[in-house]
């Protein structure tokens, strides 16, 4: 069934992913045309025309209500907008507005075959197929280059930097000890022996006095090792998750803007082709 106090007799049909301008006014008192789910709210003032920018990211039905206390029937003023694809909206325009209208306003019944129109239609279909194949080809290259080259290279660079840093620190410590050993072999040997004994004894004492903490520490070490082994799949998953993030991502914004730009060109092109004569 329909939603009570939200459904209307005639929905406002608009195209999705297309920048529009809405003009709102009123003939009695001040109203407010609002759709909360789309962040749209504009006042309808008698004797004045207000405008609002509309752009629905996806198709669907969006409900709203009058958001300005306007009288006893304020709670019975629903707003319902149905966003459809650009193709569906164009088909609706072409079905309800005939292009074969003469100067007197009478529709001509005879529709002659147009070779130019047929060729243009074939050309549009070919261009559409080529665009689709080109986009698939570009997406394939993107995923191959991103997940096949960029992600492994990123993992190799960061992992290699950490390994080089640890190796340099270890080599520097060993070089300092060897330099000390050349001048004071006894002191250096005693220090190395005491260092190793201290590490082993502290580890054994830690295990004996705090077995639970030692088990937790060992589990953390094993977990870090497992994470280091599977770091590449985790990095790939993180990159994929970032690509599927919300609209706040710059890549997603650019994709939406590109779709709006493409739909605008197709919409204007279709209208010009329809009403060119």
C-alpha atoms as a PDB file:
ATOM      1  CA  UNK A   1       0.000   0.000   0.000  1.00  0.00           C
ATOM      2  CA  UNK A   2       0.842   3.663   0.033  1.00  0.00           C
ATOM      3  CA  UNK A   3       2.326   5.625   2.894  1.00  0.00           C
ATOM      4  CA  UNK A   4      -0.338   7.549   4.758  1.00  0.00           C
ATOM      5  CA  UNK A   5       0.010  11.343   4.591  1.00  0.00           C
ATOM      6  CA  UNK A   6       3.094  10.969   2.379  1.00  0.00           C
ATOM      7  CA  UNK A   7       1.804   9.691  -0.967  1.00  0.00           C
ATOM      8  CA  UNK A   8       0.337  12.150  -3.489  1.00  0.00           C
ATOM      9  CA  UNK A   9      -1.989  11.900  -6.472  1.00  0.00           C
ATOM     10  CA  UNK A  10       0.612  13.133  -8.972  1.00  0.00           C
ATOM     11  CA  UNK A  11       4.265  12.585  -8.206  1.00  0.00           C
ATOM     12  CA  UNK A  12       6.912  15.050  -9.302  1.00  0.00           C
ATOM     13  CA  UNK A  13       8.966  13.070 -11.834  1.00  0.00           C
ATOM     14  CA  UNK A  14      12.573  14.191 -12.233  1.00  0.00           C
ATOM     15  CA  UNK A  15      15.691  12.606 -13.755  1.00  0.00           C
ATOM     16  CA  UNK A  16      18.462  11.304 -11.529  1.00  0.00           C
ATOM     17  CA  UNK A  17      22.126  12.308 -11.853  1.00  0.00           C
ATOM     18  CA  UNK A  18      21.147  15.503 -13.636  1.00  0.00           C
ATOM     19  CA  UNK A  19      21.528  19.031 -12.324  1.00  0.00           C
ATOM     20  CA  UNK A  20      18.163  20.828 -12.194  1.00  0.00           C
ATOM     21  CA  UNK A  21      16.652  24.049 -10.907  1.00  0.00           C
ATOM     22  CA  UNK A  22      13.331  24.028  -9.085  1.00  0.00           C
ATOM     23  CA  UNK A  23      11.067  27.093  -8.945  1.00  0.00           C
ATOM     24  CA  UNK A  24       8.749  27.291  -5.929  1.00  0.00           C
ATOM     25  CA  UNK A  25       6.004  29.786  -5.106  1.00  0.00           C
ATOM     26  CA  UNK A  26       2.624  29.863  -3.361  1.00  0.00           C
ATOM     27  CA  UNK A  27      -0.803  31.300  -4.077  1.00  0.00           C
ATOM     28  CA  UNK A  28      -2.162  31.598  -0.518  1.00  0.00           C
ATOM     29  CA  UNK A  29       0.241  31.545   2.469  1.00  0.00           C
ATOM     30  CA  UNK A  30       3.880  30.726   3.126  1.00  0.00           C
ATOM     31  CA  UNK A  31       4.716  27.046   2.684  1.00  0.00           C
ATOM     32  CA  UNK A  32       7.987  25.134   2.647  1.00  0.00           C
ATOM     33  CA  UNK A  33       8.738  22.441   0.061  1.00  0.00           C
ATOM     34  CA  UNK A  34      11.065  20.054   1.886  1.00  0.00           C
ATOM     35  CA  UNK A  35      12.561  16.608   1.266  1.00  0.00           C
ATOM     36  CA  UNK A  36      14.734  15.777   4.311  1.00  0.00           C
ATOM     37  CA  UNK A  37      16.341  12.660   2.795  1.00  0.00           C
ATOM     38  CA  UNK A  38      17.743  14.769  -0.058  1.00  0.00           C
ATOM     39  CA  UNK A  39      18.641  17.852   2.016  1.00  0.00           C
ATOM     40  CA  UNK A  40      16.166  19.985   0.067  1.00  0.00           C
ATOM     41  CA  UNK A  41      14.122  22.758   1.683  1.00  0.00           C
ATOM     42  CA  UNK A  42      12.835  25.911   0.013  1.00  0.00           C
ATOM     43  CA  UNK A  43      10.073  28.294   1.069  1.00  0.00           C
ATOM     44  CA  UNK A  44       7.063  28.986  -1.108  1.00  0.00           C
ATOM     45  CA  UNK A  45       6.147  32.654  -0.649  1.00  0.00           C
ATOM     46  CA  UNK A  46       3.114  34.310  -2.313  1.00  0.00           C
ATOM     47  CA  UNK A  47       4.151  36.792  -4.987  1.00  0.00           C
ATOM     48  CA  UNK A  48       7.722  35.542  -5.039  1.00  0.00           C
ATOM     49  CA  UNK A  49       9.531  32.754  -6.902  1.00  0.00           C
ATOM     50  CA  UNK A  50      12.321  30.999  -5.028  1.00  0.00           C
ATOM     51  CA  UNK A  51      14.734  28.631  -6.703  1.00  0.00           C
ATOM     52  CA  UNK A  52      16.574  25.572  -5.435  1.00  0.00           C
ATOM     53  CA  UNK A  53      19.194  23.329  -6.986  1.00  0.00           C
ATOM     54  CA  UNK A  54      18.184  19.677  -7.310  1.00  0.00           C
ATOM     55  CA  UNK A  55      20.365  16.689  -8.085  1.00  0.00           C
ATOM     56  CA  UNK A  56      19.307  13.203  -7.032  1.00  0.00           C
ATOM     57  CA  UNK A  57      22.263  10.823  -6.933  1.00  0.00           C
ATOM     58  CA  UNK A  58      20.214   7.660  -7.409  1.00  0.00           C
ATOM     59  CA  UNK A  59      16.757   6.687  -8.634  1.00  0.00           C
ATOM     60  CA  UNK A  60      13.924   6.172  -6.193  1.00  0.00           C
ATOM     61  CA  UNK A  61      10.956   7.761  -4.452  1.00  0.00           C
ATOM     62  CA  UNK A  62      11.657  10.574  -1.999  1.00  0.00           C
ATOM     63  CA  UNK A  63       9.030  11.747   0.471  1.00  0.00           C
ATOM     64  CA  UNK A  64       8.685  15.013   2.326  1.00  0.00           C
ATOM     65  CA  UNK A  65       6.135  17.361   3.844  1.00  0.00           C
ATOM     66  CA  UNK A  66       5.420  21.032   4.206  1.00  0.00           C
ATOM     67  CA  UNK A  67       7.911  22.345   6.761  1.00  0.00           C
ATOM     68  CA  UNK A  68       6.310  25.706   7.453  1.00  0.00           C
ATOM     69  CA  UNK A  69       3.293  26.042   9.746  1.00  0.00           C
ATOM     70  CA  UNK A  70       0.722  27.224   7.218  1.00  0.00           C
ATOM     71  CA  UNK A  71      -2.728  26.523   8.645  1.00  0.00           C
ATOM     72  CA  UNK A  72      -5.157  23.849   9.780  1.00  0.00           C
ATOM     73  CA  UNK A  73      -4.233  21.540   6.878  1.00  0.00           C
ATOM     74  CA  UNK A  74      -0.499  21.825   7.436  1.00  0.00           C
ATOM     75  CA  UNK A  75      -0.156  18.125   8.288  1.00  0.00           C
ATOM     76  CA  UNK A  76      -1.969  17.126   5.079  1.00  0.00           C
ATOM     77  CA  UNK A  77       0.509  18.608   2.592  1.00  0.00           C
ATOM     78  CA  UNK A  78       2.859  15.811   1.495  1.00  0.00           C
ATOM     79  CA  UNK A  79       5.690  16.081  -1.014  1.00  0.00           C
ATOM     80  CA  UNK A  80       6.635  13.149  -3.232  1.00  0.00           C
ATOM     81  CA  UNK A  81       9.408  13.178  -5.828  1.00  0.00           C
ATOM     82  CA  UNK A  82      10.205  10.187  -8.011  1.00  0.00           C
ATOM     83  CA  UNK A  83      13.693  10.207  -9.505  1.00  0.00           C
ATOM     84  CA  UNK A  84      14.075   8.069 -12.618  1.00  0.00           C
ATOM     85  CA  UNK A  85      16.932   7.475 -15.010  1.00  0.00           C
ATOM     86  CA  UNK A  86      17.598   9.970 -17.768  1.00  0.00           C
ATOM     87  CA  UNK A  87      16.477   7.504 -20.437  1.00  0.00           C
ATOM     88  CA  UNK A  88      13.137   6.898 -18.720  1.00  0.00           C
ATOM     89  CA  UNK A  89      12.614  10.644 -18.335  1.00  0.00           C
ATOM     90  CA  UNK A  90      13.420  11.251 -22.011  1.00  0.00           C
ATOM     91  CA  UNK A  91      11.024   8.494 -23.063  1.00  0.00           C
ATOM     92  CA  UNK A  92       8.312  10.114 -20.957  1.00  0.00           C
ATOM     93  CA  UNK A  93       8.957  13.465 -22.658  1.00  0.00           C
ATOM     94  CA  UNK A  94       8.907  11.946 -26.136  1.00  0.00           C
ATOM     95  CA  UNK A  95       5.735   9.969 -25.453  1.00  0.00           C
ATOM     96  CA  UNK A  96       3.820  12.954 -24.078  1.00  0.00           C
ATOM     97  CA  UNK A  97       5.166  15.702 -26.331  1.00  0.00           C
ATOM     98  CA  UNK A  98       4.970  15.110 -30.056  1.00  0.00           C
ATOM     99  CA  UNK A  99       7.593  16.736 -32.260  1.00  0.00           C
ATOM    100  CA  UNK A 100       5.314  16.763 -35.325  1.00  0.00           C
ATOM    101  CA  UNK A 101       3.356  19.902 -34.471  1.00  0.00           C
ATOM    102  CA  UNK A 102       2.726  22.552 -37.119  1.00  0.00           C
ATOM    103  CA  UNK A 103       2.345  26.279 -36.570  1.00  0.00           C
ATOM    104  CA  UNK A 104      -1.390  25.979 -35.895  1.00  0.00           C
ATOM    105  CA  UNK A 105      -0.783  23.558 -33.024  1.00  0.00           C
ATOM    106  CA  UNK A 106      -2.255  20.547 -34.850  1.00  0.00           C
ATOM    107  CA  UNK A 107      -0.308  17.307 -34.814  1.00  0.00           C
ATOM    108  CA  UNK A 108       0.538  15.973 -38.257  1.00  0.00           C
ATOM    109  CA  UNK A 109      -0.639  12.398 -38.636  1.00  0.00           C
ATOM    110  CA  UNK A 110       1.776  11.480 -41.418  1.00  0.00           C
ATOM    111  CA  UNK A 111       5.224  10.578 -40.105  1.00  0.00           C
ATOM    112  CA  UNK A 112       7.561  10.050 -43.034  1.00  0.00           C
ATOM    113  CA  UNK A 113      10.609   7.841 -42.770  1.00  0.00           C
ATOM    114  CA  UNK A 114      13.828   9.811 -42.309  1.00  0.00           C
ATOM    115  CA  UNK A 115      17.043   8.230 -43.560  1.00  0.00           C
ATOM    116  CA  UNK A 116      19.063  10.780 -41.642  1.00  0.00           C
ATOM    117  CA  UNK A 117      17.242   9.945 -38.427  1.00  0.00           C
ATOM    118  CA  UNK A 118      17.786   6.228 -39.006  1.00  0.00           C
ATOM    119  CA  UNK A 119      21.505   6.719 -39.644  1.00  0.00           C
ATOM    120  CA  UNK A 120      21.810   8.970 -36.601  1.00  0.00           C
ATOM    121  CA  UNK A 121      20.119   6.314 -34.489  1.00  0.00           C
ATOM    122  CA  UNK A 122      22.527   3.647 -35.745  1.00  0.00           C
ATOM    123  CA  UNK A 123      25.450   5.995 -35.128  1.00  0.00           C
ATOM    124  CA  UNK A 124      24.282   6.659 -31.546  1.00  0.00           C
ATOM    125  CA  UNK A 125      23.993   2.941 -30.861  1.00  0.00           C
ATOM    126  CA  UNK A 126      27.507   2.343 -32.185  1.00  0.00           C
ATOM    127  CA  UNK A 127      28.884   5.211 -30.089  1.00  0.00           C
ATOM    128  CA  UNK A 128      27.095   3.847 -27.021  1.00  0.00           C
ATOM    129  CA  UNK A 129      28.579   0.378 -27.528  1.00  0.00           C
ATOM    130  CA  UNK A 130      32.050   1.845 -28.082  1.00  0.00           C
ATOM    131  CA  UNK A 131      31.736   3.931 -24.911  1.00  0.00           C
ATOM    132  CA  UNK A 132      30.705   0.884 -22.925  1.00  0.00           C
ATOM    133  CA  UNK A 133      33.581  -1.196 -24.296  1.00  0.00           C
ATOM    134  CA  UNK A 134      36.010   1.661 -23.698  1.00  0.00           C
ATOM    135  CA  UNK A 135      34.884   2.090 -20.083  1.00  0.00           C
ATOM    136  CA  UNK A 136      35.221  -1.659 -19.465  1.00  0.00           C
ATOM    137  CA  UNK A 137      38.678  -1.626 -21.051  1.00  0.00           C
ATOM    138  CA  UNK A 138      39.777   1.323 -18.901  1.00  0.00           C
ATOM    139  CA  UNK A 139      38.368  -0.265 -15.731  1.00  0.00           C
ATOM    140  CA  UNK A 140      40.199  -3.509 -16.520  1.00  0.00           C
ATOM    141  CA  UNK A 141      43.479  -1.635 -16.927  1.00  0.00           C
ATOM    142  CA  UNK A 142      42.797   0.315 -13.728  1.00  0.00           C
ATOM    143  CA  UNK A 143      42.298  -2.778 -11.597  1.00  0.00           C
ATOM    144  CA  UNK A 144      45.248  -4.582 -13.190  1.00  0.00           C
ATOM    145  CA  UNK A 145      47.602  -1.650 -12.645  1.00  0.00           C
ATOM    146  CA  UNK A 146      46.270  -0.776  -9.190  1.00  0.00           C
ATOM    147  CA  UNK A 147      46.051  -4.222  -7.612  1.00  0.00           C
ATOM    148  CA  UNK A 148      48.732  -5.824  -9.758  1.00  0.00           C
ATOM    149  CA  UNK A 149      51.427  -3.143  -9.584  1.00  0.00           C
ATOM    150  CA  UNK A 150      50.633  -0.322  -7.170  1.00  0.00           C
ATOM    151  CA  UNK A 151      49.550  -2.389  -4.147  1.00  0.00           C
ATOM    152  CA  UNK A 152      52.477  -4.880  -4.378  1.00  0.00           C
ATOM    153  CA  UNK A 153      54.927  -2.020  -4.952  1.00  0.00           C
ATOM    154  CA  UNK A 154      53.521  -0.157  -1.942  1.00  0.00           C
ATOM    155  CA  UNK A 155      53.833  -3.274   0.211  1.00  0.00           C
ATOM    156  CA  UNK A 156      57.375  -3.918  -1.018  1.00  0.00           C
ATOM    157  CA  UNK A 157      58.496  -0.316  -0.461  1.00  0.00           C
ATOM    158  CA  UNK A 158      57.089   0.028   3.067  1.00  0.00           C
ATOM    159  CA  UNK A 159      58.170  -3.475   4.087  1.00  0.00           C
ATOM    160  CA  UNK A 160      61.602  -2.923   2.579  1.00  0.00           C
ATOM    161  CA  UNK A 161      62.016   0.401   4.392  1.00  0.00           C
ATOM    162  CA  UNK A 162      61.194  -1.199   7.754  1.00  0.00           C
ATOM    163  CA  UNK A 163      63.574  -4.079   7.068  1.00  0.00           C
ATOM    164  CA  UNK A 164      66.369  -1.717   5.999  1.00  0.00           C
ATOM    165  CA  UNK A 165      65.849   0.432   9.092  1.00  0.00           C
ATOM    166  CA  UNK A 166      66.032  -2.599  11.416  1.00  0.00           C
ATOM    167  CA  UNK A 167      69.103  -3.936   9.574  1.00  0.00           C
ATOM    168  CA  UNK A 168      70.933  -0.605   9.826  1.00  0.00           C
ATOM    169  CA  UNK A 169      70.224  -0.298  13.538  1.00  0.00           C
ATOM    170  CA  UNK A 170      71.398  -3.860  14.167  1.00  0.00           C
ATOM    171  CA  UNK A 171      74.553  -3.407  12.089  1.00  0.00           C
ATOM    172  CA  UNK A 172      75.333  -0.132  13.863  1.00  0.00           C
ATOM    173  CA  UNK A 173      74.959  -1.772  17.276  1.00  0.00           C
ATOM    174  CA  UNK A 174      77.179  -4.715  16.250  1.00  0.00           C
ATOM    175  CA  UNK A 175      79.787  -2.334  14.787  1.00  0.00           C
ATOM    176  CA  UNK A 176      79.886  -0.330  18.023  1.00  0.00           C
ATOM    177  CA  UNK A 177      80.326  -3.519  20.056  1.00  0.00           C
ATOM    178  CA  UNK A 178      83.103  -4.778  17.753  1.00  0.00           C
ATOM    179  CA  UNK A 179      84.901  -1.430  17.998  1.00  0.00           C
ATOM    180  CA  UNK A 180      84.655  -1.680  21.769  1.00  0.00           C
ATOM    181  CA  UNK A 181      85.876  -5.293  21.599  1.00  0.00           C
ATOM    182  CA  UNK A 182      89.053  -4.228  19.731  1.00  0.00           C
ATOM    183  CA  UNK A 183      90.136  -1.914  22.538  1.00  0.00           C
ATOM    184  CA  UNK A 184      88.623  -3.714  25.547  1.00  0.00           C
ATOM    185  CA  UNK A 185      87.925  -7.354  24.684  1.00  0.00           C
ATOM    186  CA  UNK A 186      87.392  -8.411  28.287  1.00  0.00           C
ATOM    187  CA  UNK A 187      84.906  -5.659  29.077  1.00  0.00           C
ATOM    188  CA  UNK A 188      83.067  -6.173  25.777  1.00  0.00           C
ATOM    189  CA  UNK A 189      82.847  -9.933  26.326  1.00  0.00           C
ATOM    190  CA  UNK A 190      81.591  -9.490  29.879  1.00  0.00           C
ATOM    191  CA  UNK A 191      79.002  -6.987  28.671  1.00  0.00           C
ATOM    192  CA  UNK A 192      77.807  -9.315  25.867  1.00  0.00           C
ATOM    193  CA  UNK A 193      77.618 -12.310  28.233  1.00  0.00           C
ATOM    194  CA  UNK A 194      75.784 -10.327  30.893  1.00  0.00           C
ATOM    195  CA  UNK A 195      73.439  -8.886  28.259  1.00  0.00           C
ATOM    196  CA  UNK A 196      72.510 -12.333  26.926  1.00  0.00           C
ATOM    197  CA  UNK A 197      72.172 -13.827  30.410  1.00  0.00           C
ATOM    198  CA  UNK A 198      70.047 -10.885  31.493  1.00  0.00           C
ATOM    199  CA  UNK A 199      67.725 -11.247  28.518  1.00  0.00           C
ATOM    200  CA  UNK A 200      67.321 -15.006  29.024  1.00  0.00           C
ATOM    201  CA  UNK A 201      66.869 -14.743  32.793  1.00  0.00           C
ATOM    202  CA  UNK A 202      64.394 -11.880  32.491  1.00  0.00           C
ATOM    203  CA  UNK A 203      62.394 -13.894  29.970  1.00  0.00           C
ATOM    204  CA  UNK A 204      62.350 -16.974  32.212  1.00  0.00           C
ATOM    205  CA  UNK A 205      61.459 -14.891  35.259  1.00  0.00           C
ATOM    206  CA  UNK A 206      58.671 -13.220  33.308  1.00  0.00           C
ATOM    207  CA  UNK A 207      57.251 -16.612  32.273  1.00  0.00           C
ATOM    208  CA  UNK A 208      57.453 -18.036  35.811  1.00  0.00           C
ATOM    209  CA  UNK A 209      56.031 -15.035  37.659  1.00  0.00           C
ATOM    210  CA  UNK A 210      53.433 -13.949  35.065  1.00  0.00           C
ATOM    211  CA  UNK A 211      52.378 -16.922  32.959  1.00  0.00           C
ATOM    212  CA  UNK A 212      49.104 -15.358  31.833  1.00  0.00           C
ATOM    213  CA  UNK A 213      50.804 -12.163  30.699  1.00  0.00           C
ATOM    214  CA  UNK A 214      53.487 -14.224  28.963  1.00  0.00           C
ATOM    215  CA  UNK A 215      50.857 -16.215  27.075  1.00  0.00           C
ATOM    216  CA  UNK A 216      49.121 -12.990  26.042  1.00  0.00           C
ATOM    217  CA  UNK A 217      52.432 -11.498  24.924  1.00  0.00           C
ATOM    218  CA  UNK A 218      53.233 -14.655  22.936  1.00  0.00           C
ATOM    219  CA  UNK A 219      49.790 -14.606  21.332  1.00  0.00           C
ATOM    220  CA  UNK A 220      50.300 -10.968  20.354  1.00  0.00           C
ATOM    221  CA  UNK A 221      53.651 -11.823  18.822  1.00  0.00           C
ATOM    222  CA  UNK A 222      52.164 -14.690  16.836  1.00  0.00           C
ATOM    223  CA  UNK A 223      49.311 -12.445  15.733  1.00  0.00           C
ATOM    224  CA  UNK A 224      51.737  -9.767  14.552  1.00  0.00           C
ATOM    225  CA  UNK A 225      53.649 -12.383  12.614  1.00  0.00           C
ATOM    226  CA  UNK A 226      50.483 -13.660  10.950  1.00  0.00           C
ATOM    227  CA  UNK A 227      49.464 -10.088  10.099  1.00  0.00           C
ATOM    228  CA  UNK A 228      52.887  -9.471   8.597  1.00  0.00           C
ATOM    229  CA  UNK A 229      52.516 -12.588   6.443  1.00  0.00           C
ATOM    230  CA  UNK A 230      49.040 -11.685   5.199  1.00  0.00           C
ATOM    231  CA  UNK A 231      49.738  -7.949   4.954  1.00  0.00           C
ATOM    232  CA  UNK A 232      49.382  -7.912   1.191  1.00  0.00           C
ATOM    233  CA  UNK A 233      45.776  -9.262   1.129  1.00  0.00           C
ATOM    234  CA  UNK A 234      44.874  -6.850   3.915  1.00  0.00           C
ATOM    235  CA  UNK A 235      46.335  -3.964   1.937  1.00  0.00           C
ATOM    236  CA  UNK A 236      44.410  -5.035  -1.156  1.00  0.00           C
ATOM    237  CA  UNK A 237      41.196  -5.272   0.881  1.00  0.00           C
ATOM    238  CA  UNK A 238      41.823  -1.823   2.352  1.00  0.00           C
ATOM    239  CA  UNK A 239      42.291  -0.366  -1.121  1.00  0.00           C
ATOM    240  CA  UNK A 240      39.082  -2.039  -2.299  1.00  0.00           C
ATOM    241  CA  UNK A 241      37.205  -0.811   0.774  1.00  0.00           C
ATOM    242  CA  UNK A 242      38.429   2.743   0.173  1.00  0.00           C
ATOM    243  CA  UNK A 243      37.203   2.539  -3.416  1.00  0.00           C
ATOM    244  CA  UNK A 244      33.727   1.607  -2.081  1.00  0.00           C
ATOM    245  CA  UNK A 245      33.621   4.390   0.499  1.00  0.00           C
ATOM    246  CA  UNK A 246      30.954   7.040   0.911  1.00  0.00           C
ATOM    247  CA  UNK A 247      30.320  10.186  -1.093  1.00  0.00           C
ATOM    248  CA  UNK A 248      32.904  12.059   0.976  1.00  0.00           C
ATOM    249  CA  UNK A 249      35.664  10.365  -0.993  1.00  0.00           C
ATOM    250  CA  UNK A 250      37.137  12.557  -3.731  1.00  0.00           C
ATOM    251  CA  UNK A 251      37.138   9.691  -6.240  1.00  0.00           C
ATOM    252  CA  UNK A 252      33.436   9.106  -5.615  1.00  0.00           C
ATOM    253  CA  UNK A 253      32.720  12.811  -6.021  1.00  0.00           C
ATOM    254  CA  UNK A 254      34.596  12.879  -9.305  1.00  0.00           C
ATOM    255  CA  UNK A 255      32.682   9.811 -10.498  1.00  0.00           C
ATOM    256  CA  UNK A 256      29.310  11.388  -9.648  1.00  0.00           C
ATOM    257  CA  UNK A 257      30.282  14.672 -11.316  1.00  0.00           C
ATOM    258  CA  UNK A 258      31.388  12.758 -14.408  1.00  0.00           C
ATOM    259  CA  UNK A 259      28.033  10.920 -14.569  1.00  0.00           C
ATOM    260  CA  UNK A 260      26.149  14.209 -14.186  1.00  0.00           C
ATOM    261  CA  UNK A 261      28.216  15.771 -16.973  1.00  0.00           C
ATOM    262  CA  UNK A 262      27.633  12.776 -19.256  1.00  0.00           C
ATOM    263  CA  UNK A 263      23.879  12.661 -18.546  1.00  0.00           C
ATOM    264  CA  UNK A 264      23.607  16.397 -19.186  1.00  0.00           C
ATOM    265  CA  UNK A 265      25.256  16.054 -22.591  1.00  0.00           C
ATOM    266  CA  UNK A 266      23.076  13.080 -23.537  1.00  0.00           C
ATOM    267  CA  UNK A 267      19.932  14.857 -22.327  1.00  0.00           C
ATOM    268  CA  UNK A 268      20.624  18.059 -24.267  1.00  0.00           C
ATOM    269  CA  UNK A 269      21.723  16.101 -27.333  1.00  0.00           C
ATOM    270  CA  UNK A 270      18.528  14.017 -27.302  1.00  0.00           C
ATOM    271  CA  UNK A 271      16.312  17.105 -26.977  1.00  0.00           C
ATOM    272  CA  UNK A 272      18.139  18.927 -29.769  1.00  0.00           C
ATOM    273  CA  UNK A 273      17.874  15.893 -32.029  1.00  0.00           C
ATOM    274  CA  UNK A 274      14.187  15.495 -31.206  1.00  0.00           C
ATOM    275  CA  UNK A 275      13.159  19.098 -31.797  1.00  0.00           C
ATOM    276  CA  UNK A 276      15.760  20.189 -34.357  1.00  0.00           C
ATOM    277  CA  UNK A 277      13.122  20.834 -37.027  1.00  0.00           C
END
